[in-house]
Amino acid sequence: MAFGGLGWLTFLSPALAKVLSPYNLAPGILGEGVLTLWLLVFGVNAERWKEQASTQLH
């Protein structure tokens, strides 16, 4: 995700983004795609979430 963020930062300079395109898009798309897949596959551990929520209330 850090490399993806650096890729998106190149758009602050349109001239730099034009020179680096499409290579500046690849890290962002890859990083965000992997994160999305990770969240879809593993999601939230509901039992652990409820356990942490109950301990914070007391």
N, C-alpha and C. Protein backbone atom coordinates (compact mmCIF):
# COMPACT_ATOMS: atom_id res chain seq x y z
N MET A 1 0.82 -1.17 0.00
CA MET A 1 0.00 0.00 0.00
C MET A 1 0.87 1.26 0.00
N ALA A 2 2.05 1.19 0.62
CA ALA A 2 2.93 2.35 0.63
C ALA A 2 3.40 2.68 -0.79
N PHE A 3 3.75 1.65 -1.56
CA PHE A 3 4.15 1.89 -2.95
C PHE A 3 2.97 2.40 -3.76
N GLY A 4 1.79 1.91 -3.46
CA GLY A 4 0.59 2.40 -4.13
C GLY A 4 0.37 3.87 -3.84
N GLY A 5 0.57 4.27 -2.60
CA GLY A 5 0.43 5.67 -2.23
C GLY A 5 1.42 6.56 -2.96
N LEU A 6 2.64 6.06 -3.09
CA LEU A 6 3.64 6.83 -3.85
C LEU A 6 3.24 6.96 -5.31
N GLY A 7 2.66 5.90 -5.84
CA GLY A 7 2.18 5.96 -7.23
C GLY A 7 1.11 7.01 -7.41
N TRP A 8 0.17 7.07 -6.44
CA TRP A 8 -0.90 8.07 -6.55
C TRP A 8 -0.36 9.48 -6.35
N LEU A 9 0.70 9.63 -5.55
CA LEU A 9 1.28 10.96 -5.33
C LEU A 9 1.88 11.55 -6.60
N THR A 10 2.21 10.73 -7.57
CA THR A 10 2.77 11.27 -8.82
C THR A 10 1.75 12.14 -9.54
N PHE A 11 0.46 11.98 -9.22
CA PHE A 11 -0.56 12.78 -9.88
C PHE A 11 -0.59 14.22 -9.37
N LEU A 12 0.19 14.53 -8.34
CA LEU A 12 0.31 15.92 -7.90
C LEU A 12 1.03 16.76 -8.95
N SER A 13 1.84 16.10 -9.76
CA SER A 13 2.54 16.77 -10.86
C SER A 13 2.04 16.14 -12.16
N PRO A 14 1.15 16.81 -12.89
CA PRO A 14 0.62 16.22 -14.12
C PRO A 14 1.69 15.82 -15.12
N ALA A 15 2.76 16.58 -15.21
CA ALA A 15 3.83 16.24 -16.15
C ALA A 15 4.50 14.93 -15.75
N LEU A 16 4.76 14.75 -14.46
CA LEU A 16 5.37 13.51 -13.97
C LEU A 16 4.42 12.34 -14.16
N ALA A 17 3.16 12.53 -13.88
CA ALA A 17 2.18 11.46 -14.04
C ALA A 17 2.08 11.02 -15.50
N LYS A 18 2.17 11.98 -16.41
CA LYS A 18 2.09 11.66 -17.84
C LYS A 18 3.31 10.84 -18.27
N VAL A 19 4.48 11.18 -17.76
CA VAL A 19 5.70 10.46 -18.12
C VAL A 19 5.69 9.04 -17.56
N LEU A 20 5.20 8.88 -16.34
CA LEU A 20 5.24 7.58 -15.67
C LEU A 20 4.05 6.69 -15.99
N SER A 21 3.03 7.23 -16.62
CA SER A 21 1.83 6.44 -16.91
C SER A 21 2.15 5.33 -17.90
N PRO A 22 1.68 4.15 -17.75
CA PRO A 22 0.77 3.55 -16.78
C PRO A 22 1.49 2.90 -15.60
N TYR A 23 2.81 3.09 -15.49
CA TYR A 23 3.57 2.43 -14.44
C TYR A 23 3.25 2.97 -13.05
N ASN A 24 2.79 4.21 -12.97
CA ASN A 24 2.44 4.77 -11.67
C ASN A 24 1.09 4.24 -11.17
N LEU A 25 0.29 3.66 -12.04
CA LEU A 25 -1.01 3.11 -11.64
C LEU A 25 -0.89 1.69 -11.11
N ALA A 26 0.06 0.94 -11.60
CA ALA A 26 0.17 -0.48 -11.26
C ALA A 26 0.31 -0.76 -9.76
N PRO A 27 1.20 -0.07 -9.03
CA PRO A 27 1.31 -0.38 -7.59
C PRO A 27 0.03 -0.10 -6.82
N GLY A 28 -0.65 0.97 -7.16
CA GLY A 28 -1.90 1.32 -6.48
C GLY A 28 -2.99 0.32 -6.74
N ILE A 29 -3.14 -0.05 -8.00
CA ILE A 29 -4.17 -1.02 -8.36
C ILE A 29 -3.87 -2.38 -7.73
N LEU A 30 -2.61 -2.78 -7.76
CA LEU A 30 -2.22 -4.06 -7.17
C LEU A 30 -2.43 -4.05 -5.66
N GLY A 31 -1.96 -3.02 -4.99
CA GLY A 31 -2.09 -2.94 -3.53
C GLY A 31 -3.54 -2.89 -3.07
N GLU A 32 -4.34 -2.07 -3.72
CA GLU A 32 -5.73 -1.95 -3.33
C GLU A 32 -6.52 -3.20 -3.70
N GLY A 33 -6.16 -3.84 -4.80
CA GLY A 33 -6.82 -5.09 -5.18
C GLY A 33 -6.54 -6.20 -4.20
N VAL A 34 -5.27 -6.30 -3.77
CA VAL A 34 -4.90 -7.34 -2.80
C VAL A 34 -5.59 -7.08 -1.46
N LEU A 35 -5.65 -5.83 -1.03
CA LEU A 35 -6.33 -5.50 0.22
C LEU A 35 -7.81 -5.84 0.13
N THR A 36 -8.45 -5.52 -0.98
CA THR A 36 -9.86 -5.85 -1.16
C THR A 36 -10.08 -7.35 -1.10
N LEU A 37 -9.25 -8.11 -1.79
CA LEU A 37 -9.38 -9.57 -1.75
C LEU A 37 -9.17 -10.11 -0.34
N TRP A 38 -8.19 -9.57 0.36
CA TRP A 38 -7.91 -10.01 1.72
C TRP A 38 -9.14 -9.79 2.61
N LEU A 39 -9.73 -8.61 2.51
CA LEU A 39 -10.90 -8.31 3.33
C LEU A 39 -12.09 -9.17 2.94
N LEU A 40 -12.25 -9.46 1.66
CA LEU A 40 -13.36 -10.31 1.24
C LEU A 40 -13.19 -11.74 1.71
N VAL A 41 -11.96 -12.26 1.67
CA VAL A 41 -11.72 -13.65 2.03
C VAL A 41 -11.73 -13.83 3.55
N PHE A 42 -10.99 -13.00 4.27
CA PHE A 42 -10.84 -13.19 5.70
C PHE A 42 -11.83 -12.38 6.53
N GLY A 43 -12.20 -11.23 6.03
CA GLY A 43 -13.20 -10.41 6.70
C GLY A 43 -12.87 -10.14 8.16
N VAL A 44 -13.93 -10.09 8.96
CA VAL A 44 -13.79 -9.81 10.38
C VAL A 44 -14.07 -11.10 11.15
N ASN A 45 -13.24 -11.38 12.13
CA ASN A 45 -13.46 -12.51 13.01
C ASN A 45 -14.54 -12.08 14.00
N ALA A 46 -15.79 -12.50 13.76
CA ALA A 46 -16.94 -12.03 14.54
C ALA A 46 -16.80 -12.37 16.02
N GLU A 47 -16.30 -13.54 16.34
CA GLU A 47 -16.17 -13.92 17.74
C GLU A 47 -15.18 -13.01 18.47
N ARG A 48 -14.05 -12.77 17.84
CA ARG A 48 -13.05 -11.89 18.45
C ARG A 48 -13.57 -10.47 18.56
N TRP A 49 -14.30 -10.01 17.55
CA TRP A 49 -14.88 -8.66 17.56
C TRP A 49 -15.83 -8.51 18.75
N LYS A 50 -16.72 -9.49 18.95
CA LYS A 50 -17.67 -9.44 20.07
C LYS A 50 -16.95 -9.51 21.41
N GLU A 51 -15.90 -10.33 21.48
CA GLU A 51 -15.12 -10.44 22.71
C GLU A 51 -14.48 -9.10 23.09
N GLN A 52 -13.88 -8.44 22.11
CA GLN A 52 -13.26 -7.15 22.37
C GLN A 52 -14.30 -6.10 22.73
N ALA A 53 -15.44 -6.14 22.07
CA ALA A 53 -16.50 -5.17 22.36
C ALA A 53 -17.04 -5.36 23.77
N SER A 54 -17.18 -6.60 24.21
CA SER A 54 -17.71 -6.84 25.55
C SER A 54 -16.71 -6.44 26.63
N THR A 55 -15.42 -6.60 26.38
CA THR A 55 -14.43 -6.22 27.38
C THR A 55 -14.29 -4.71 27.49
N GLN A 56 -14.56 -3.98 26.43
CA GLN A 56 -14.47 -2.53 26.47
C GLN A 56 -15.64 -1.90 27.19
N LEU A 57 -16.76 -2.58 27.21
CA LEU A 57 -17.95 -2.03 27.87
C LEU A 57 -17.85 -2.15 29.38
N HIS A 58 -17.09 -3.09 29.88
CA HIS A 58 -17.01 -3.32 31.34
C HIS A 58 -15.83 -2.67 31.93
